[in-house]
Amino acid sequence: MDLMLLFIGTVLVNNFVLAKMLGLCPFVGVSRSVENSIGMGMAVVFVIFLASVSGWFMDRYVLTPYGITYLRTLVFILLIAALVQLVETVMRKSFPALYRALGIYLPLITTNCVVLGTVILIMNKRFSLVEMLIYGLGSPIGFYVALFLISSIREQLALAKIPRAFQGAGIALITTGILALAFMGFSGMVRE
């Protein structure tokens, strides 16, 4: 039961975008269309899960035993950069249209604080292997859910008459704030 609550809490209550406000750059940039957000969301899920697993093993079996945990951030950044290169290569060959549609946002996953934040939080919370797998899958799924919701809303907002001052990123951030308030309703379900 605790593992299910960890997953639900990570996806809904402690959502990285809506509760921790991490990863807003690709969140606002890619959320103009549902198609792009689906592709970006899948890429983020893949990268974060692989980064969590590889970071956990790297920390457990290399950094901690040799007493070099002070290199965590540097090692995790290099690990994430390598994983993003892998995803970029696979997307370029397998899904060229999606690769072109994502443009600059795919390389931005490298510097996306959601990816690094997830890996560092896993190490700081000293999760077991199973907890790490659940948290490493729950946090990108939460990002994906928030990205899908905001892109669906933004497609509808494109048809609405919005004052000029609020168009673009302005209305996206206002909508994100309202969505974050809605997700706060889940906080009674799970404690952190």
N, C-alpha and C. Protein backbone atom coordinates (compact mmCIF):
# COMPACT_ATOMS: atom_id res chain seq x y z
N MET A 1 0.82 -1.19 0.00
CA MET A 1 0.00 0.00 0.00
C MET A 1 0.87 1.27 0.00
N ASP A 2 1.98 1.23 0.76
CA ASP A 2 2.86 2.39 0.81
C ASP A 2 3.45 2.69 -0.57
N LEU A 3 3.75 1.66 -1.35
CA LEU A 3 4.33 1.87 -2.67
C LEU A 3 3.30 2.51 -3.62
N MET A 4 2.04 2.10 -3.49
CA MET A 4 1.00 2.70 -4.32
C MET A 4 0.81 4.17 -3.94
N LEU A 5 0.85 4.46 -2.66
CA LEU A 5 0.73 5.84 -2.21
C LEU A 5 1.93 6.68 -2.65
N LEU A 6 3.11 6.08 -2.67
CA LEU A 6 4.29 6.78 -3.18
C LEU A 6 4.10 7.15 -4.65
N PHE A 7 3.57 6.22 -5.44
CA PHE A 7 3.34 6.48 -6.86
C PHE A 7 2.29 7.56 -7.05
N ILE A 8 1.15 7.42 -6.38
CA ILE A 8 0.07 8.41 -6.52
C ILE A 8 0.54 9.78 -6.03
N GLY A 9 1.26 9.78 -4.92
CA GLY A 9 1.78 11.04 -4.40
C GLY A 9 2.76 11.70 -5.33
N THR A 10 3.59 10.91 -5.99
CA THR A 10 4.57 11.47 -6.91
C THR A 10 3.89 12.02 -8.16
N VAL A 11 2.89 11.32 -8.66
CA VAL A 11 2.21 11.75 -9.89
C VAL A 11 1.31 12.96 -9.63
N LEU A 12 0.49 12.90 -8.60
CA LEU A 12 -0.54 13.91 -8.42
C LEU A 12 -0.21 14.99 -7.39
N VAL A 13 0.21 14.59 -6.21
CA VAL A 13 0.38 15.55 -5.12
C VAL A 13 1.70 16.30 -5.23
N ASN A 14 2.79 15.58 -5.38
CA ASN A 14 4.12 16.19 -5.44
C ASN A 14 4.60 16.30 -6.88
N ASN A 15 3.70 16.67 -7.76
CA ASN A 15 4.00 16.80 -9.18
C ASN A 15 5.12 17.83 -9.35
N PHE A 16 6.14 17.45 -10.10
CA PHE A 16 7.31 18.31 -10.24
C PHE A 16 6.99 19.66 -10.86
N VAL A 17 6.09 19.70 -11.82
CA VAL A 17 5.75 20.96 -12.47
C VAL A 17 4.78 21.77 -11.63
N LEU A 18 3.73 21.12 -11.16
CA LEU A 18 2.65 21.85 -10.51
C LEU A 18 2.88 22.11 -9.03
N ALA A 19 3.65 21.30 -8.35
CA ALA A 19 3.90 21.51 -6.92
C ALA A 19 5.29 22.06 -6.65
N LYS A 20 6.28 21.59 -7.40
CA LYS A 20 7.67 22.00 -7.16
C LYS A 20 8.15 23.06 -8.15
N MET A 21 7.36 23.32 -9.18
CA MET A 21 7.66 24.31 -10.23
C MET A 21 9.02 24.05 -10.89
N LEU A 22 9.30 22.79 -11.18
CA LEU A 22 10.51 22.41 -11.89
C LEU A 22 10.16 22.03 -13.32
N GLY A 23 11.00 22.37 -14.27
CA GLY A 23 10.79 21.97 -15.65
C GLY A 23 9.83 22.85 -16.42
N LEU A 24 9.72 24.11 -16.05
CA LEU A 24 8.76 24.98 -16.71
C LEU A 24 9.16 25.37 -18.13
N CYS A 25 10.44 25.39 -18.45
CA CYS A 25 10.87 25.79 -19.79
C CYS A 25 10.30 24.87 -20.87
N PRO A 26 10.57 23.57 -20.83
CA PRO A 26 9.96 22.72 -21.85
C PRO A 26 8.45 22.58 -21.66
N PHE A 27 7.99 22.73 -20.43
CA PHE A 27 6.56 22.63 -20.15
C PHE A 27 5.79 23.71 -20.90
N VAL A 28 6.25 24.94 -20.83
CA VAL A 28 5.57 26.05 -21.52
C VAL A 28 5.88 26.01 -23.01
N GLY A 29 7.10 25.63 -23.38
CA GLY A 29 7.50 25.67 -24.78
C GLY A 29 6.85 24.61 -25.65
N VAL A 30 6.67 23.42 -25.14
CA VAL A 30 6.16 22.31 -25.94
C VAL A 30 4.64 22.19 -25.84
N SER A 31 4.04 22.86 -24.91
CA SER A 31 2.63 22.63 -24.62
C SER A 31 1.67 23.33 -25.57
N ARG A 32 2.14 23.80 -26.72
CA ARG A 32 1.24 24.45 -27.67
C ARG A 32 0.37 23.44 -28.42
N SER A 33 0.87 22.23 -28.60
CA SER A 33 0.08 21.21 -29.30
C SER A 33 0.17 19.89 -28.56
N VAL A 34 -0.92 19.13 -28.62
CA VAL A 34 -0.99 17.86 -27.93
C VAL A 34 0.01 16.87 -28.53
N GLU A 35 0.17 16.88 -29.84
CA GLU A 35 1.11 15.95 -30.50
C GLU A 35 2.53 16.14 -29.98
N ASN A 36 2.98 17.38 -29.94
CA ASN A 36 4.34 17.64 -29.46
C ASN A 36 4.48 17.28 -27.97
N SER A 37 3.44 17.55 -27.20
CA SER A 37 3.53 17.26 -25.77
C SER A 37 3.56 15.75 -25.52
N ILE A 38 2.88 14.98 -26.34
CA ILE A 38 2.93 13.53 -26.19
C ILE A 38 4.34 13.02 -26.47
N GLY A 39 4.95 13.49 -27.56
CA GLY A 39 6.31 13.08 -27.88
C GLY A 39 7.31 13.49 -26.83
N MET A 40 7.20 14.75 -26.40
CA MET A 40 8.12 15.24 -25.37
C MET A 40 7.90 14.50 -24.06
N GLY A 41 6.64 14.24 -23.72
CA GLY A 41 6.33 13.52 -22.49
C GLY A 41 6.91 12.12 -22.49
N MET A 42 6.80 11.42 -23.62
CA MET A 42 7.37 10.07 -23.71
C MET A 42 8.88 10.12 -23.61
N ALA A 43 9.50 11.12 -24.24
CA ALA A 43 10.96 11.24 -24.16
C ALA A 43 11.40 11.52 -22.72
N VAL A 44 10.66 12.38 -22.02
CA VAL A 44 10.99 12.70 -20.64
C VAL A 44 10.81 11.49 -19.73
N VAL A 45 9.73 10.72 -19.94
CA VAL A 45 9.52 9.51 -19.15
C VAL A 45 10.69 8.56 -19.34
N PHE A 46 11.08 8.36 -20.58
CA PHE A 46 12.17 7.45 -20.89
C PHE A 46 13.48 7.92 -20.26
N VAL A 47 13.81 9.19 -20.44
CA VAL A 47 15.08 9.72 -19.93
C VAL A 47 15.11 9.72 -18.41
N ILE A 48 14.04 10.17 -17.77
CA ILE A 48 14.04 10.22 -16.31
C ILE A 48 14.11 8.83 -15.70
N PHE A 49 13.37 7.89 -16.27
CA PHE A 49 13.41 6.54 -15.72
C PHE A 49 14.81 5.95 -15.86
N LEU A 50 15.41 6.08 -17.05
CA LEU A 50 16.77 5.56 -17.23
C LEU A 50 17.78 6.29 -16.35
N ALA A 51 17.61 7.61 -16.23
CA ALA A 51 18.53 8.39 -15.38
C ALA A 51 18.39 7.99 -13.91
N SER A 52 17.16 7.73 -13.49
CA SER A 52 16.94 7.32 -12.10
C SER A 52 17.59 5.97 -11.81
N VAL A 53 17.37 5.03 -12.71
CA VAL A 53 17.92 3.68 -12.51
C VAL A 53 19.45 3.72 -12.55
N SER A 54 19.99 4.33 -13.60
CA SER A 54 21.45 4.35 -13.73
C SER A 54 22.09 5.20 -12.64
N GLY A 55 21.44 6.32 -12.26
CA GLY A 55 21.97 7.15 -11.18
C GLY A 55 21.96 6.43 -9.84
N TRP A 56 20.90 5.67 -9.59
CA TRP A 56 20.81 4.92 -8.33
C TRP A 56 21.92 3.88 -8.25
N PHE A 57 22.12 3.14 -9.35
CA PHE A 57 23.18 2.13 -9.35
C PHE A 57 24.57 2.78 -9.27
N MET A 58 24.74 3.89 -9.97
CA MET A 58 26.03 4.60 -9.93
C MET A 58 26.31 5.08 -8.51
N ASP A 59 25.29 5.62 -7.86
CA ASP A 59 25.48 6.10 -6.50
C ASP A 59 25.74 4.96 -5.52
N ARG A 60 24.95 3.89 -5.63
CA ARG A 60 25.05 2.76 -4.72
C ARG A 60 26.37 2.01 -4.85
N TYR A 61 26.81 1.80 -6.08
CA TYR A 61 27.94 0.89 -6.30
C TYR A 61 29.24 1.57 -6.71
N VAL A 62 29.21 2.88 -6.96
CA VAL A 62 30.45 3.57 -7.31
C VAL A 62 30.71 4.76 -6.38
N LEU A 63 29.78 5.70 -6.36
CA LEU A 63 30.02 6.94 -5.63
C LEU A 63 30.10 6.74 -4.11
N THR A 64 29.13 6.05 -3.54
CA THR A 64 29.12 5.85 -2.09
C THR A 64 30.24 4.94 -1.61
N PRO A 65 30.47 3.76 -2.23
CA PRO A 65 31.55 2.89 -1.74
C PRO A 65 32.94 3.54 -1.80
N TYR A 66 33.17 4.37 -2.80
CA TYR A 66 34.49 4.99 -2.93
C TYR A 66 34.56 6.36 -2.24
N GLY A 67 33.48 6.75 -1.58
CA GLY A 67 33.49 8.00 -0.82
C GLY A 67 33.58 9.24 -1.68
N ILE A 68 33.02 9.20 -2.87
CA ILE A 68 33.08 10.36 -3.77
C ILE A 68 31.67 10.88 -4.08
N THR A 69 30.82 10.86 -3.07
CA THR A 69 29.45 11.33 -3.27
C THR A 69 29.39 12.83 -3.57
N TYR A 70 30.46 13.56 -3.29
CA TYR A 70 30.49 14.98 -3.62
C TYR A 70 30.48 15.20 -5.13
N LEU A 71 30.71 14.15 -5.92
CA LEU A 71 30.68 14.26 -7.38
C LEU A 71 29.31 13.90 -7.97
N ARG A 72 28.32 13.69 -7.10
CA ARG A 72 26.99 13.27 -7.57
C ARG A 72 26.44 14.15 -8.68
N THR A 73 26.39 15.43 -8.43
CA THR A 73 25.77 16.34 -9.40
C THR A 73 26.47 16.27 -10.74
N LEU A 74 27.78 16.31 -10.75
CA LEU A 74 28.55 16.25 -11.98
C LEU A 74 28.31 14.92 -12.71
N VAL A 75 28.37 13.82 -11.98
CA VAL A 75 28.17 12.50 -12.58
C VAL A 75 26.76 12.38 -13.14
N PHE A 76 25.76 12.87 -12.40
CA PHE A 76 24.39 12.77 -12.86
C PHE A 76 24.15 13.62 -14.10
N ILE A 77 24.75 14.80 -14.16
CA ILE A 77 24.60 15.66 -15.34
C ILE A 77 25.20 14.97 -16.57
N LEU A 78 26.38 14.37 -16.41
CA LEU A 78 27.00 13.66 -17.53
C LEU A 78 26.17 12.44 -17.94
N LEU A 79 25.63 11.75 -16.98
CA LEU A 79 24.78 10.60 -17.24
C LEU A 79 23.52 11.01 -18.00
N ILE A 80 22.89 12.08 -17.58
CA ILE A 80 21.69 12.58 -18.23
C ILE A 80 22.00 13.03 -19.65
N ALA A 81 23.12 13.72 -19.84
CA ALA A 81 23.50 14.17 -21.18
C ALA A 81 23.69 12.98 -22.13
N ALA A 82 24.30 11.93 -21.65
CA ALA A 82 24.49 10.73 -22.47
C ALA A 82 23.15 10.08 -22.81
N LEU A 83 22.24 10.02 -21.85
CA LEU A 83 20.93 9.43 -22.10
C LEU A 83 20.12 10.25 -23.10
N VAL A 84 20.21 11.57 -23.00
CA VAL A 84 19.48 12.42 -23.96
C VAL A 84 20.04 12.24 -25.36
N GLN A 85 21.34 12.10 -25.47
CA GLN A 85 21.93 11.83 -26.80
C GLN A 85 21.39 10.53 -27.37
N LEU A 86 21.25 9.52 -26.52
CA LEU A 86 20.70 8.25 -26.95
C LEU A 86 19.26 8.41 -27.44
N VAL A 87 18.43 9.11 -26.66
CA VAL A 87 17.04 9.34 -27.05
C VAL A 87 16.96 10.15 -28.34
N GLU A 88 17.81 11.17 -28.46
CA GLU A 88 17.81 12.00 -29.66
C GLU A 88 18.17 11.19 -30.89
N THR A 89 19.14 10.33 -30.79
CA THR A 89 19.55 9.49 -31.91
C THR A 89 18.43 8.53 -32.31
N VAL A 90 17.80 7.91 -31.33
CA VAL A 90 16.71 6.98 -31.62
C VAL A 90 15.53 7.71 -32.26
N MET A 91 15.19 8.88 -31.75
CA MET A 91 14.07 9.65 -32.32
C MET A 91 14.38 10.13 -33.73
N ARG A 92 15.60 10.55 -33.97
CA ARG A 92 15.98 11.03 -35.29
C ARG A 92 15.82 9.93 -36.33
N LYS A 93 16.17 8.71 -35.97
CA LYS A 93 16.08 7.60 -36.92
C LYS A 93 14.69 6.98 -36.98
N SER A 94 14.01 6.89 -35.85
CA SER A 94 12.72 6.19 -35.80
C SER A 94 11.52 7.10 -36.03
N PHE A 95 11.57 8.32 -35.51
CA PHE A 95 10.45 9.25 -35.61
C PHE A 95 10.93 10.61 -36.10
N PRO A 96 11.32 10.73 -37.37
CA PRO A 96 11.90 12.00 -37.85
C PRO A 96 10.93 13.18 -37.77
N ALA A 97 9.65 12.96 -37.99
CA ALA A 97 8.69 14.06 -37.92
C ALA A 97 8.60 14.59 -36.49
N LEU A 98 8.54 13.69 -35.53
CA LEU A 98 8.49 14.10 -34.13
C LEU A 98 9.80 14.77 -33.72
N TYR A 99 10.91 14.26 -34.22
CA TYR A 99 12.21 14.84 -33.92
C TYR A 99 12.26 16.30 -34.41
N ARG A 100 11.78 16.55 -35.64
CA ARG A 100 11.75 17.92 -36.17
C ARG A 100 10.76 18.80 -35.41
N ALA A 101 9.63 18.21 -35.01
CA ALA A 101 8.62 18.98 -34.29
C ALA A 101 9.12 19.44 -32.92
N LEU A 102 9.88 18.59 -32.26
CA LEU A 102 10.38 18.94 -30.93
C LEU A 102 11.50 19.99 -31.00
N GLY A 103 12.24 20.00 -32.10
CA GLY A 103 13.25 21.02 -32.29
C GLY A 103 14.23 21.13 -31.14
N ILE A 104 14.33 22.32 -30.59
CA ILE A 104 15.31 22.62 -29.54
C ILE A 104 14.94 21.99 -28.20
N TYR A 105 13.69 21.60 -28.03
CA TYR A 105 13.26 21.13 -26.71
C TYR A 105 13.82 19.76 -26.35
N LEU A 106 14.13 18.95 -27.33
CA LEU A 106 14.72 17.64 -27.01
C LEU A 106 16.10 17.79 -26.36
N PRO A 107 17.00 18.58 -26.93
CA PRO A 107 18.28 18.78 -26.22
C PRO A 107 18.11 19.48 -24.87
N LEU A 108 17.02 20.24 -24.71
CA LEU A 108 16.78 20.92 -23.44
C LEU A 108 16.47 19.95 -22.30
N ILE A 109 16.12 18.70 -22.65
CA ILE A 109 15.90 17.71 -21.58
C ILE A 109 17.18 17.55 -20.77
N THR A 110 18.32 17.73 -21.43
CA THR A 110 19.60 17.61 -20.74
C THR A 110 19.68 18.57 -19.56
N THR A 111 19.20 19.78 -19.76
CA THR A 111 19.28 20.79 -18.71
C THR A 111 17.96 20.95 -17.98
N ASN A 112 17.01 20.06 -18.24
CA ASN A 112 15.72 20.13 -17.58
C ASN A 112 15.90 19.74 -16.11
N CYS A 113 15.51 20.63 -15.24
CA CYS A 113 15.73 20.38 -13.82
C CYS A 113 14.85 19.27 -13.27
N VAL A 114 13.80 18.86 -14.00
CA VAL A 114 12.99 17.72 -13.56
C VAL A 114 13.84 16.46 -13.57
N VAL A 115 14.65 16.29 -14.60
CA VAL A 115 15.46 15.08 -14.72
C VAL A 115 16.49 15.03 -13.59
N LEU A 116 17.26 16.07 -13.47
CA LEU A 116 18.28 16.10 -12.42
C LEU A 116 17.64 16.11 -11.03
N GLY A 117 16.55 16.84 -10.88
CA GLY A 117 15.85 16.90 -9.59
C GLY A 117 15.36 15.54 -9.14
N THR A 118 14.83 14.76 -10.07
CA THR A 118 14.35 13.43 -9.72
C THR A 118 15.49 12.56 -9.22
N VAL A 119 16.59 12.55 -9.94
CA VAL A 119 17.72 11.70 -9.56
C VAL A 119 18.30 12.13 -8.22
N ILE A 120 18.45 13.42 -8.01
CA ILE A 120 19.00 13.91 -6.74
C ILE A 120 18.05 13.64 -5.58
N LEU A 121 16.74 13.82 -5.80
CA LEU A 121 15.78 13.53 -4.72
C LEU A 121 15.77 12.05 -4.36
N ILE A 122 15.94 11.19 -5.35
CA ILE A 122 16.01 9.76 -5.06
C ILE A 122 17.19 9.46 -4.16
N MET A 123 18.32 10.09 -4.43
CA MET A 123 19.51 9.85 -3.59
C MET A 123 19.33 10.47 -2.21
N ASN A 124 18.75 11.67 -2.15
CA ASN A 124 18.57 12.33 -0.85
C ASN A 124 17.57 11.61 0.04
N LYS A 125 16.56 11.00 -0.57
CA LYS A 125 15.55 10.28 0.22
C LYS A 125 15.98 8.86 0.53
N ARG A 126 17.11 8.44 -0.02
CA ARG A 126 17.67 7.10 0.23
C ARG A 126 16.65 5.99 -0.02
N PHE A 127 16.07 6.05 -1.21
CA PHE A 127 15.08 5.05 -1.59
C PHE A 127 15.72 3.69 -1.82
N SER A 128 14.95 2.66 -1.55
CA SER A 128 15.37 1.30 -1.91
C SER A 128 15.21 1.14 -3.42
N LEU A 129 15.60 -0.01 -3.94
CA LEU A 129 15.50 -0.25 -5.38
C LEU A 129 14.06 -0.13 -5.86
N VAL A 130 13.13 -0.75 -5.16
CA VAL A 130 11.72 -0.72 -5.57
C VAL A 130 11.15 0.69 -5.45
N GLU A 131 11.45 1.38 -4.36
CA GLU A 131 10.97 2.76 -4.20
C GLU A 131 11.54 3.66 -5.28
N MET A 132 12.81 3.45 -5.62
CA MET A 132 13.43 4.24 -6.68
C MET A 132 12.73 4.00 -8.01
N LEU A 133 12.41 2.76 -8.31
CA LEU A 133 11.72 2.45 -9.56
C LEU A 133 10.35 3.13 -9.62
N ILE A 134 9.64 3.11 -8.51
CA ILE A 134 8.31 3.74 -8.48
C ILE A 134 8.43 5.26 -8.57
N TYR A 135 9.33 5.85 -7.83
CA TYR A 135 9.52 7.30 -7.87
C TYR A 135 10.08 7.73 -9.23
N GLY A 136 11.00 6.94 -9.77
CA GLY A 136 11.60 7.23 -11.07
C GLY A 136 10.62 7.10 -12.22
N LEU A 137 9.55 6.38 -12.02
CA LEU A 137 8.50 6.28 -13.03
C LEU A 137 7.37 7.26 -12.73
N GLY A 138 7.08 7.49 -11.46
CA GLY A 138 5.98 8.38 -11.08
C GLY A 138 6.25 9.84 -11.39
N SER A 139 7.47 10.31 -11.16
CA SER A 139 7.75 11.73 -11.41
C SER A 139 7.65 12.10 -12.89
N PRO A 140 8.18 11.31 -13.84
CA PRO A 140 7.98 11.70 -15.23
C PRO A 140 6.54 11.50 -15.71
N ILE A 141 5.84 10.53 -15.14
CA ILE A 141 4.43 10.37 -15.51
C ILE A 141 3.64 11.59 -15.03
N GLY A 142 3.97 12.10 -13.85
CA GLY A 142 3.35 13.33 -13.37
C GLY A 142 3.64 14.50 -14.30
N PHE A 143 4.88 14.59 -14.75
CA PHE A 143 5.25 15.63 -15.71
C PHE A 143 4.45 15.46 -17.00
N TYR A 144 4.34 14.22 -17.46
CA TYR A 144 3.61 13.90 -18.68
C TYR A 144 2.13 14.26 -18.55
N VAL A 145 1.52 13.93 -17.42
CA VAL A 145 0.11 14.24 -17.18
C VAL A 145 -0.11 15.75 -17.21
N ALA A 146 0.75 16.48 -16.50
CA ALA A 146 0.63 17.94 -16.47
C ALA A 146 0.85 18.53 -17.86
N LEU A 147 1.83 18.02 -18.60
CA LEU A 147 2.11 18.50 -19.95
C LEU A 147 0.94 18.23 -20.89
N PHE A 148 0.36 17.04 -20.79
CA PHE A 148 -0.78 16.70 -21.64
C PHE A 148 -1.99 17.58 -21.31
N LEU A 149 -2.26 17.78 -20.03
CA LEU A 149 -3.39 18.61 -19.63
C LEU A 149 -3.22 20.05 -20.11
N ILE A 150 -2.05 20.62 -19.88
CA ILE A 150 -1.85 22.02 -20.28
C ILE A 150 -1.87 22.17 -21.79
N SER A 151 -1.36 21.19 -22.53
CA SER A 151 -1.40 21.30 -23.99
C SER A 151 -2.83 21.18 -24.50
N SER A 152 -3.64 20.33 -23.89
CA SER A 152 -5.05 20.23 -24.28
C SER A 152 -5.78 21.54 -24.01
N ILE A 153 -5.49 22.13 -22.87
CA ILE A 153 -6.12 23.41 -22.52
C ILE A 153 -5.64 24.51 -23.46
N ARG A 154 -4.34 24.53 -23.76
CA ARG A 154 -3.80 25.58 -24.63
C ARG A 154 -4.33 25.47 -26.06
N GLU A 155 -4.60 24.26 -26.53
CA GLU A 155 -5.21 24.13 -27.86
C GLU A 155 -6.60 24.74 -27.87
N GLN A 156 -7.33 24.58 -26.78
CA GLN A 156 -8.66 25.20 -26.69
C GLN A 156 -8.53 26.72 -26.52
N LEU A 157 -7.53 27.17 -25.78
CA LEU A 157 -7.33 28.60 -25.58
C LEU A 157 -6.92 29.31 -26.87
N ALA A 158 -6.33 28.57 -27.80
CA ALA A 158 -5.94 29.17 -29.09
C ALA A 158 -7.16 29.64 -29.86
N LEU A 159 -8.31 29.05 -29.58
CA LEU A 159 -9.55 29.41 -30.25
C LEU A 159 -10.32 30.50 -29.51
N ALA A 160 -9.89 30.80 -28.29
CA ALA A 160 -10.60 31.78 -27.45
C ALA A 160 -10.04 33.18 -27.69
N LYS A 161 -10.85 34.16 -27.33
CA LYS A 161 -10.40 35.55 -27.42
C LYS A 161 -9.74 35.92 -26.10
N ILE A 162 -8.42 36.00 -26.16
CA ILE A 162 -7.63 36.30 -24.97
C ILE A 162 -7.03 37.69 -25.17
N PRO A 163 -7.05 38.52 -24.14
CA PRO A 163 -6.41 39.83 -24.27
C PRO A 163 -4.95 39.70 -24.71
N ARG A 164 -4.51 40.62 -25.51
CA ARG A 164 -3.17 40.56 -26.10
C ARG A 164 -2.07 40.41 -25.05
N ALA A 165 -2.21 41.06 -23.94
CA ALA A 165 -1.18 41.02 -22.89
C ALA A 165 -1.01 39.62 -22.30
N PHE A 166 -2.05 38.80 -22.36
CA PHE A 166 -2.01 37.48 -21.77
C PHE A 166 -1.70 36.37 -22.77
N GLN A 167 -1.61 36.67 -24.03
CA GLN A 167 -1.40 35.62 -25.03
C GLN A 167 0.00 35.01 -24.90
N GLY A 168 0.11 33.75 -25.34
CA GLY A 168 1.40 33.05 -25.33
C GLY A 168 1.74 32.48 -23.97
N ALA A 169 2.95 32.78 -23.52
CA ALA A 169 3.44 32.22 -22.26
C ALA A 169 2.67 32.75 -21.06
N GLY A 170 2.14 33.95 -21.15
CA GLY A 170 1.39 34.53 -20.04
C GLY A 170 0.18 33.68 -19.67
N ILE A 171 -0.65 33.37 -20.65
CA ILE A 171 -1.84 32.57 -20.37
C ILE A 171 -1.46 31.15 -19.99
N ALA A 172 -0.33 30.66 -20.53
CA ALA A 172 0.13 29.31 -20.17
C ALA A 172 0.51 29.27 -18.69
N LEU A 173 1.18 30.28 -18.19
CA LEU A 173 1.57 30.30 -16.78
C LEU A 173 0.38 30.51 -15.86
N ILE A 174 -0.58 31.33 -16.29
CA ILE A 174 -1.80 31.52 -15.49
C ILE A 174 -2.57 30.21 -15.42
N THR A 175 -2.70 29.54 -16.56
CA THR A 175 -3.40 28.26 -16.60
C THR A 175 -2.67 27.22 -15.76
N THR A 176 -1.35 27.23 -15.79
CA THR A 176 -0.56 26.32 -14.98
C THR A 176 -0.82 26.56 -13.49
N GLY A 177 -0.91 27.81 -13.09
CA GLY A 177 -1.23 28.13 -11.70
C GLY A 177 -2.58 27.61 -11.29
N ILE A 178 -3.58 27.76 -12.15
CA ILE A 178 -4.92 27.26 -11.84
C ILE A 178 -4.91 25.73 -11.78
N LEU A 179 -4.17 25.11 -12.69
CA LEU A 179 -4.04 23.65 -12.69
C LEU A 179 -3.34 23.17 -11.41
N ALA A 180 -2.34 23.92 -10.97
CA ALA A 180 -1.64 23.58 -9.72
C ALA A 180 -2.59 23.65 -8.53
N LEU A 181 -3.45 24.65 -8.52
CA LEU A 181 -4.45 24.75 -7.45
C LEU A 181 -5.40 23.56 -7.49
N ALA A 182 -5.78 23.15 -8.68
CA ALA A 182 -6.67 21.98 -8.80
C ALA A 182 -5.98 20.72 -8.29
N PHE A 183 -4.70 20.57 -8.59
CA PHE A 183 -3.96 19.38 -8.14
C PHE A 183 -3.72 19.40 -6.63
N MET A 184 -3.79 20.57 -6.01
CA MET A 184 -3.65 20.63 -4.56
C MET A 184 -4.79 19.89 -3.87
N GLY A 185 -5.89 19.71 -4.57
CA GLY A 185 -7.02 18.95 -4.01
C GLY A 185 -6.67 17.51 -3.72
N PHE A 186 -5.64 16.99 -4.40
CA PHE A 186 -5.21 15.61 -4.15
C PHE A 186 -4.36 15.48 -2.89
N SER A 187 -3.95 16.59 -2.31
CA SER A 187 -3.01 16.53 -1.19
C SER A 187 -3.60 15.85 0.03
N GLY A 188 -4.89 15.78 0.16
CA GLY A 188 -5.50 15.11 1.29
C GLY A 188 -5.41 13.59 1.18
N MET A 189 -5.11 13.10 -0.04
CA MET A 189 -5.03 11.67 -0.26
C MET A 189 -3.73 11.05 0.25
N VAL A 190 -2.65 11.81 0.10
CA VAL A 190 -1.32 11.27 0.36
C VAL A 190 -0.51 12.29 1.13
N ARG A 191 0.27 11.83 2.07
CA ARG A 191 1.21 12.72 2.76
C ARG A 191 2.58 12.55 2.13
N GLU A 192 3.40 13.54 2.25
CA GLU A 192 4.74 13.48 1.62
C GLU A 192 5.68 12.60 2.36
